[in-house]
């Protein structure tokens, strides 16, 4: 089963949300772009959680965002600040509430689809061979 999120939703008016306005005030359009790139990286991570405790991942993501490690740490600190909370930092991994909601919805659908596929392809239900007792002869 897949454990990432190939698509996530966000409203077209997100840029008007106060937390995003604070991001724009602090980091400008570059910060706004970095935030959405970060969301895409998180969405493609296992269980939609990005392990930034790993030095290699942290350096790779910082580079992808065009930030030094120190500036990346500051950016993450800003996004996770109690009054901003655009991301959630737990046990060295980051995610967002919206990404987790989307991931839970998609995971349930994937599970349903897998269960439906398995029941549709169960040999006992796909091929029903009549027994000799059930066959009626039309010959008289």
N, C-alpha and C. Protein backbone atom coordinates (compact mmCIF):
# COMPACT_ATOMS: atom_id res chain seq x y z
N UNK A 1 0.84 -1.18 0.00
CA UNK A 1 0.00 0.00 0.00
C UNK A 1 0.89 1.25 0.00
N UNK A 2 0.44 2.26 -0.67
CA UNK A 2 1.17 3.53 -0.70
C UNK A 2 1.02 4.23 0.64
N UNK A 3 2.07 4.92 1.04
CA UNK A 3 2.04 5.64 2.31
C UNK A 3 2.40 7.11 2.14
N UNK A 4 2.06 7.66 0.97
CA UNK A 4 2.30 9.07 0.73
C UNK A 4 1.00 9.71 0.25
N UNK A 5 1.09 10.94 -0.14
CA UNK A 5 -0.09 11.69 -0.57
C UNK A 5 0.25 12.36 -1.90
N UNK A 6 -0.20 11.79 -3.03
CA UNK A 6 0.16 12.35 -4.33
C UNK A 6 -0.57 13.66 -4.64
N UNK A 7 -1.61 13.96 -3.90
CA UNK A 7 -2.40 15.17 -4.11
C UNK A 7 -2.86 15.65 -2.75
N UNK A 8 -2.86 16.95 -2.54
CA UNK A 8 -3.46 17.50 -1.33
C UNK A 8 -4.23 18.76 -1.69
N UNK A 9 -5.22 19.07 -0.88
CA UNK A 9 -6.09 20.19 -1.19
C UNK A 9 -5.69 21.42 -0.37
N UNK A 10 -5.95 22.56 -0.96
CA UNK A 10 -5.91 23.80 -0.19
C UNK A 10 -6.82 24.81 -0.91
N UNK A 11 -7.39 25.68 -0.11
CA UNK A 11 -8.36 26.62 -0.65
C UNK A 11 -7.68 27.71 -1.48
N UNK A 12 -8.39 28.22 -2.46
CA UNK A 12 -7.84 29.28 -3.30
C UNK A 12 -7.69 30.60 -2.53
N UNK A 13 -8.32 30.70 -1.39
CA UNK A 13 -8.21 31.91 -0.57
C UNK A 13 -7.22 31.75 0.59
N UNK A 14 -6.42 30.69 0.56
CA UNK A 14 -5.47 30.44 1.63
C UNK A 14 -4.55 31.63 1.87
N UNK A 15 -4.20 32.33 0.82
CA UNK A 15 -3.28 33.47 0.97
C UNK A 15 -3.85 34.58 1.86
N UNK A 16 -5.16 34.59 2.08
CA UNK A 16 -5.79 35.60 2.94
C UNK A 16 -5.86 35.17 4.41
N UNK A 17 -5.55 33.93 4.69
CA UNK A 17 -5.61 33.41 6.05
C UNK A 17 -4.56 34.12 6.92
N UNK A 18 -4.88 34.52 8.15
CA UNK A 18 -3.96 35.29 8.98
C UNK A 18 -2.58 34.66 9.17
N UNK A 19 -2.52 33.34 9.33
CA UNK A 19 -1.22 32.70 9.53
C UNK A 19 -0.37 32.79 8.26
N UNK A 20 -1.00 32.69 7.11
CA UNK A 20 -0.28 32.84 5.84
C UNK A 20 0.13 34.30 5.64
N UNK A 21 -0.73 35.23 6.05
CA UNK A 21 -0.37 36.64 5.97
C UNK A 21 0.85 36.93 6.86
N UNK A 22 0.93 36.28 8.02
CA UNK A 22 2.10 36.44 8.89
C UNK A 22 3.34 35.87 8.22
N UNK A 23 3.20 34.74 7.54
CA UNK A 23 4.31 34.15 6.79
C UNK A 23 4.79 35.11 5.70
N UNK A 24 3.84 35.70 4.98
CA UNK A 24 4.18 36.66 3.93
C UNK A 24 4.86 37.91 4.51
N UNK A 25 4.38 38.36 5.65
CA UNK A 25 4.98 39.54 6.28
C UNK A 25 6.41 39.26 6.73
N UNK A 26 6.65 38.07 7.23
CA UNK A 26 7.98 37.72 7.74
C UNK A 26 8.97 37.31 6.65
N UNK A 27 8.49 36.53 5.66
CA UNK A 27 9.39 35.94 4.67
C UNK A 27 9.09 36.33 3.22
N UNK A 28 8.02 37.06 3.00
CA UNK A 28 7.68 37.48 1.65
C UNK A 28 7.21 36.33 0.77
N UNK A 29 7.17 36.60 -0.52
CA UNK A 29 6.71 35.58 -1.47
C UNK A 29 7.65 34.38 -1.51
N UNK A 30 8.93 34.60 -1.25
CA UNK A 30 9.87 33.47 -1.21
C UNK A 30 9.51 32.52 -0.08
N UNK A 31 9.14 33.05 1.06
CA UNK A 31 8.73 32.22 2.19
C UNK A 31 7.44 31.48 1.89
N UNK A 32 6.53 32.16 1.20
CA UNK A 32 5.26 31.54 0.80
C UNK A 32 5.53 30.36 -0.13
N UNK A 33 6.41 30.58 -1.12
CA UNK A 33 6.77 29.50 -2.04
C UNK A 33 7.47 28.37 -1.30
N UNK A 34 8.37 28.72 -0.40
CA UNK A 34 9.08 27.68 0.36
C UNK A 34 8.11 26.85 1.20
N UNK A 35 7.12 27.51 1.78
CA UNK A 35 6.14 26.78 2.58
C UNK A 35 5.41 25.74 1.73
N UNK A 36 4.96 26.12 0.53
CA UNK A 36 4.22 25.17 -0.31
C UNK A 36 5.13 24.09 -0.87
N UNK A 37 6.37 24.42 -1.15
CA UNK A 37 7.33 23.38 -1.57
C UNK A 37 7.55 22.40 -0.41
N UNK A 38 7.68 22.94 0.80
CA UNK A 38 7.83 22.09 1.98
C UNK A 38 6.62 21.17 2.14
N UNK A 39 5.42 21.71 1.94
CA UNK A 39 4.21 20.89 2.03
C UNK A 39 4.24 19.75 1.01
N UNK A 40 4.72 20.03 -0.20
CA UNK A 40 4.83 19.00 -1.23
C UNK A 40 5.84 17.93 -0.83
N UNK A 41 6.94 18.34 -0.24
CA UNK A 41 7.95 17.38 0.22
C UNK A 41 7.37 16.53 1.35
N UNK A 42 6.66 17.15 2.28
CA UNK A 42 6.02 16.41 3.37
C UNK A 42 5.01 15.42 2.81
N UNK A 43 4.20 15.86 1.86
CA UNK A 43 3.16 15.00 1.28
C UNK A 43 3.75 13.76 0.60
N UNK A 44 4.95 13.88 0.07
CA UNK A 44 5.57 12.74 -0.61
C UNK A 44 6.39 11.87 0.34
N UNK A 45 6.39 12.21 1.62
CA UNK A 45 7.15 11.46 2.63
C UNK A 45 6.29 10.33 3.21
N UNK A 46 6.94 9.28 3.73
CA UNK A 46 6.19 8.18 4.33
C UNK A 46 5.26 8.66 5.44
N UNK A 47 4.01 8.24 5.35
CA UNK A 47 2.97 8.61 6.32
C UNK A 47 2.78 10.12 6.43
N UNK A 48 3.21 10.84 5.41
CA UNK A 48 3.06 12.29 5.32
C UNK A 48 3.68 12.97 6.55
N UNK A 49 4.84 12.46 6.92
CA UNK A 49 5.63 13.05 8.01
C UNK A 49 7.08 13.08 7.53
N UNK A 50 7.70 14.24 7.63
CA UNK A 50 9.07 14.43 7.17
C UNK A 50 10.01 14.40 8.36
N UNK A 51 10.91 13.45 8.36
CA UNK A 51 11.86 13.25 9.46
C UNK A 51 13.04 14.20 9.32
N UNK A 52 12.94 15.36 9.95
CA UNK A 52 14.04 16.32 9.86
C UNK A 52 15.08 16.10 10.96
N UNK A 53 14.87 15.07 11.78
CA UNK A 53 15.90 14.71 12.75
C UNK A 53 17.07 14.05 12.03
N UNK A 54 16.80 13.49 10.87
CA UNK A 54 17.85 12.91 10.04
C UNK A 54 18.64 14.04 9.39
N UNK A 55 19.94 14.06 9.63
CA UNK A 55 20.78 15.13 9.09
C UNK A 55 20.73 15.18 7.57
N UNK A 56 20.75 14.01 6.95
CA UNK A 56 20.75 13.96 5.48
C UNK A 56 19.45 14.55 4.93
N UNK A 57 18.33 14.17 5.51
CA UNK A 57 17.04 14.70 5.03
C UNK A 57 16.98 16.19 5.28
N UNK A 58 17.40 16.61 6.46
CA UNK A 58 17.36 18.04 6.79
C UNK A 58 18.19 18.85 5.80
N UNK A 59 19.40 18.40 5.51
CA UNK A 59 20.26 19.11 4.57
C UNK A 59 19.67 19.11 3.17
N UNK A 60 19.09 17.99 2.78
CA UNK A 60 18.49 17.88 1.45
C UNK A 60 17.29 18.81 1.30
N UNK A 61 16.44 18.85 2.31
CA UNK A 61 15.26 19.72 2.26
C UNK A 61 15.67 21.18 2.32
N UNK A 62 16.62 21.51 3.18
CA UNK A 62 17.11 22.90 3.26
C UNK A 62 17.63 23.34 1.90
N UNK A 63 18.38 22.48 1.25
CA UNK A 63 18.91 22.80 -0.09
C UNK A 63 17.77 22.97 -1.10
N UNK A 64 16.78 22.07 -1.03
CA UNK A 64 15.63 22.16 -1.95
C UNK A 64 14.89 23.48 -1.77
N UNK A 65 14.90 24.00 -0.56
CA UNK A 65 14.22 25.28 -0.28
C UNK A 65 15.14 26.48 -0.47
N UNK A 66 16.38 26.22 -0.82
CA UNK A 66 17.33 27.31 -1.04
C UNK A 66 17.75 27.99 0.25
N UNK A 67 17.83 27.21 1.34
CA UNK A 67 18.17 27.77 2.64
C UNK A 67 19.40 27.09 3.22
N UNK A 68 20.14 27.83 4.02
CA UNK A 68 21.21 27.22 4.81
C UNK A 68 20.54 26.43 5.93
N UNK A 69 21.31 25.58 6.58
CA UNK A 69 20.75 24.79 7.68
C UNK A 69 20.22 25.71 8.79
N UNK A 70 20.96 26.77 9.08
CA UNK A 70 20.54 27.70 10.14
C UNK A 70 19.24 28.42 9.74
N UNK A 71 19.16 28.86 8.50
CA UNK A 71 17.94 29.53 8.04
C UNK A 71 16.76 28.56 7.95
N UNK A 72 17.06 27.31 7.60
CA UNK A 72 16.01 26.28 7.59
C UNK A 72 15.46 26.09 9.00
N UNK A 73 16.35 25.98 9.98
CA UNK A 73 15.91 25.83 11.38
C UNK A 73 15.05 27.01 11.81
N UNK A 74 15.44 28.22 11.43
CA UNK A 74 14.65 29.41 11.77
C UNK A 74 13.29 29.39 11.09
N UNK A 75 13.27 28.94 9.84
CA UNK A 75 12.02 28.86 9.08
C UNK A 75 11.07 27.86 9.74
N UNK A 76 11.60 26.70 10.09
CA UNK A 76 10.78 25.67 10.75
C UNK A 76 10.29 26.17 12.10
N UNK A 77 11.16 26.84 12.84
CA UNK A 77 10.78 27.41 14.13
C UNK A 77 9.63 28.41 13.97
N UNK A 78 9.71 29.25 12.95
CA UNK A 78 8.64 30.22 12.68
C UNK A 78 7.34 29.49 12.34
N UNK A 79 7.42 28.52 11.43
CA UNK A 79 6.20 27.81 11.00
C UNK A 79 5.55 27.04 12.15
N UNK A 80 6.35 26.62 13.13
CA UNK A 80 5.84 25.84 14.26
C UNK A 80 5.54 26.69 15.49
N UNK A 81 5.79 27.98 15.41
CA UNK A 81 5.56 28.86 16.57
C UNK A 81 4.10 28.74 17.03
N UNK A 82 3.87 28.84 18.36
CA UNK A 82 2.51 28.67 18.90
C UNK A 82 1.46 29.58 18.27
N UNK A 83 1.84 30.79 17.86
CA UNK A 83 0.87 31.70 17.26
C UNK A 83 0.75 31.54 15.75
N UNK A 84 1.62 30.74 15.14
CA UNK A 84 1.57 30.51 13.69
C UNK A 84 1.03 29.12 13.39
N UNK A 85 1.68 28.10 13.87
CA UNK A 85 1.27 26.69 13.74
C UNK A 85 0.86 26.28 12.32
N UNK A 86 1.67 26.66 11.34
CA UNK A 86 1.43 26.19 9.98
C UNK A 86 1.93 24.77 9.79
N UNK A 87 2.85 24.34 10.66
CA UNK A 87 3.31 22.95 10.66
C UNK A 87 3.22 22.42 12.08
N UNK A 88 3.37 21.12 12.18
CA UNK A 88 3.41 20.46 13.49
C UNK A 88 4.73 19.71 13.57
N UNK A 89 5.53 20.02 14.57
CA UNK A 89 6.82 19.35 14.79
C UNK A 89 6.67 18.43 15.98
N UNK A 90 6.82 17.12 15.73
CA UNK A 90 6.69 16.13 16.79
C UNK A 90 7.75 15.06 16.60
N UNK A 91 8.53 14.82 17.64
CA UNK A 91 9.54 13.76 17.62
C UNK A 91 10.48 13.86 16.41
N UNK A 92 10.86 15.05 16.05
CA UNK A 92 11.79 15.24 14.95
C UNK A 92 11.18 15.16 13.56
N UNK A 93 9.86 15.01 13.48
CA UNK A 93 9.18 14.95 12.19
C UNK A 93 8.21 16.11 12.07
N UNK A 94 8.04 16.59 10.82
CA UNK A 94 7.09 17.67 10.59
C UNK A 94 5.98 17.21 9.66
N UNK A 95 4.82 17.77 9.89
CA UNK A 95 3.65 17.54 9.06
C UNK A 95 2.75 18.75 9.22
N UNK A 96 1.59 18.72 8.59
CA UNK A 96 0.58 19.77 8.81
C UNK A 96 -0.74 19.09 9.11
N UNK A 97 -1.62 19.81 9.78
CA UNK A 97 -2.93 19.25 10.08
C UNK A 97 -3.70 18.92 8.81
N UNK A 98 -3.66 19.82 7.83
CA UNK A 98 -4.40 19.59 6.58
C UNK A 98 -3.86 18.38 5.83
N UNK A 99 -2.54 18.25 5.77
CA UNK A 99 -1.97 17.09 5.09
C UNK A 99 -2.35 15.80 5.79
N UNK A 100 -2.36 15.82 7.12
CA UNK A 100 -2.74 14.62 7.86
C UNK A 100 -4.21 14.27 7.64
N UNK A 101 -5.08 15.28 7.59
CA UNK A 101 -6.50 15.04 7.31
C UNK A 101 -6.66 14.42 5.92
N UNK A 102 -6.00 14.99 4.93
CA UNK A 102 -6.07 14.45 3.57
C UNK A 102 -5.51 13.03 3.52
N UNK A 103 -4.40 12.80 4.22
CA UNK A 103 -3.78 11.47 4.22
C UNK A 103 -4.70 10.44 4.87
N UNK A 104 -5.35 10.79 5.96
CA UNK A 104 -6.27 9.85 6.61
C UNK A 104 -7.43 9.50 5.68
N UNK A 105 -7.96 10.50 4.99
CA UNK A 105 -9.05 10.28 4.04
C UNK A 105 -8.60 9.36 2.91
N UNK A 106 -7.43 9.64 2.34
CA UNK A 106 -6.91 8.84 1.23
C UNK A 106 -6.57 7.42 1.70
N UNK A 107 -6.03 7.29 2.90
CA UNK A 107 -5.69 5.96 3.43
C UNK A 107 -6.93 5.10 3.60
N UNK A 108 -8.01 5.70 4.08
CA UNK A 108 -9.26 4.95 4.23
C UNK A 108 -9.79 4.50 2.87
N UNK A 109 -9.70 5.38 1.88
CA UNK A 109 -10.14 5.02 0.53
C UNK A 109 -9.27 3.91 -0.04
N UNK A 110 -7.96 4.01 0.14
CA UNK A 110 -7.06 2.97 -0.34
C UNK A 110 -7.38 1.63 0.30
N UNK A 111 -7.64 1.65 1.60
CA UNK A 111 -7.99 0.41 2.32
C UNK A 111 -9.29 -0.18 1.79
N UNK A 112 -10.31 0.69 1.59
CA UNK A 112 -11.58 0.21 1.04
C UNK A 112 -11.38 -0.39 -0.35
N UNK A 113 -10.63 0.32 -1.18
CA UNK A 113 -10.37 -0.16 -2.54
C UNK A 113 -9.63 -1.50 -2.52
N UNK A 114 -8.65 -1.62 -1.63
CA UNK A 114 -7.91 -2.88 -1.54
C UNK A 114 -8.82 -4.00 -1.08
N UNK A 115 -9.66 -3.73 -0.10
CA UNK A 115 -10.59 -4.76 0.38
C UNK A 115 -11.57 -5.16 -0.71
N UNK A 116 -12.08 -4.16 -1.45
CA UNK A 116 -12.99 -4.46 -2.56
C UNK A 116 -12.29 -5.27 -3.64
N UNK A 117 -11.06 -4.92 -3.95
CA UNK A 117 -10.29 -5.65 -4.97
C UNK A 117 -10.08 -7.09 -4.52
N UNK A 118 -9.70 -7.27 -3.25
CA UNK A 118 -9.46 -8.61 -2.74
C UNK A 118 -10.72 -9.46 -2.75
N UNK A 119 -11.85 -8.86 -2.37
CA UNK A 119 -13.10 -9.65 -2.36
C UNK A 119 -13.59 -9.91 -3.78
N UNK A 120 -13.34 -8.97 -4.70
CA UNK A 120 -13.73 -9.19 -6.10
C UNK A 120 -12.88 -10.24 -6.77
N UNK A 121 -11.67 -10.45 -6.30
CA UNK A 121 -10.76 -11.40 -6.91
C UNK A 121 -10.56 -12.67 -6.10
N UNK A 122 -11.42 -12.88 -5.13
CA UNK A 122 -11.37 -14.10 -4.33
C UNK A 122 -11.81 -15.26 -5.21
N UNK A 123 -10.98 -16.30 -5.38
CA UNK A 123 -11.34 -17.42 -6.26
C UNK A 123 -12.68 -18.06 -5.90
N UNK A 124 -13.03 -18.02 -4.64
CA UNK A 124 -14.30 -18.63 -4.23
C UNK A 124 -15.50 -17.83 -4.75
N UNK A 125 -15.32 -16.52 -4.97
CA UNK A 125 -16.44 -15.71 -5.44
C UNK A 125 -16.37 -15.44 -6.93
N UNK A 126 -15.16 -15.51 -7.51
CA UNK A 126 -15.01 -15.22 -8.93
C UNK A 126 -15.50 -16.37 -9.79
N UNK A 127 -15.14 -17.58 -9.42
CA UNK A 127 -15.47 -18.74 -10.23
C UNK A 127 -16.36 -19.66 -9.42
N UNK A 128 -17.60 -19.69 -9.77
CA UNK A 128 -18.54 -20.55 -9.08
C UNK A 128 -18.86 -21.73 -10.00
N UNK A 129 -18.36 -22.88 -9.62
CA UNK A 129 -18.59 -24.09 -10.43
C UNK A 129 -19.76 -24.84 -9.82
N UNK A 130 -20.79 -25.05 -10.61
CA UNK A 130 -21.94 -25.76 -10.07
C UNK A 130 -21.60 -27.22 -9.77
N UNK A 131 -22.15 -27.72 -8.70
CA UNK A 131 -21.94 -29.12 -8.38
C UNK A 131 -22.90 -29.99 -9.19
N UNK A 132 -22.63 -31.26 -9.26
CA UNK A 132 -23.45 -32.18 -10.02
C UNK A 132 -24.89 -32.21 -9.49
N UNK A 133 -25.04 -31.94 -8.22
CA UNK A 133 -26.38 -31.96 -7.61
C UNK A 133 -27.22 -30.80 -8.11
N UNK A 134 -26.57 -29.68 -8.53
CA UNK A 134 -27.29 -28.48 -8.94
C UNK A 134 -27.58 -28.45 -10.43
N UNK A 135 -27.03 -29.38 -11.18
CA UNK A 135 -27.25 -29.38 -12.62
C UNK A 135 -28.52 -30.14 -12.95
N UNK A 136 -29.40 -29.48 -13.67
CA UNK A 136 -30.65 -30.14 -14.06
C UNK A 136 -30.53 -30.55 -15.53
N UNK A 137 -30.91 -31.73 -15.78
CA UNK A 137 -30.86 -32.22 -17.15
C UNK A 137 -32.12 -31.82 -17.88
N UNK A 138 -31.95 -31.36 -19.10
CA UNK A 138 -33.09 -30.99 -19.90
C UNK A 138 -33.46 -32.12 -20.87
N UNK A 139 -32.71 -33.17 -20.82
CA UNK A 139 -32.97 -34.29 -21.70
C UNK A 139 -34.02 -35.19 -21.05
N UNK A 140 -34.95 -35.59 -21.83
CA UNK A 140 -35.99 -36.45 -21.30
C UNK A 140 -35.88 -37.83 -21.83
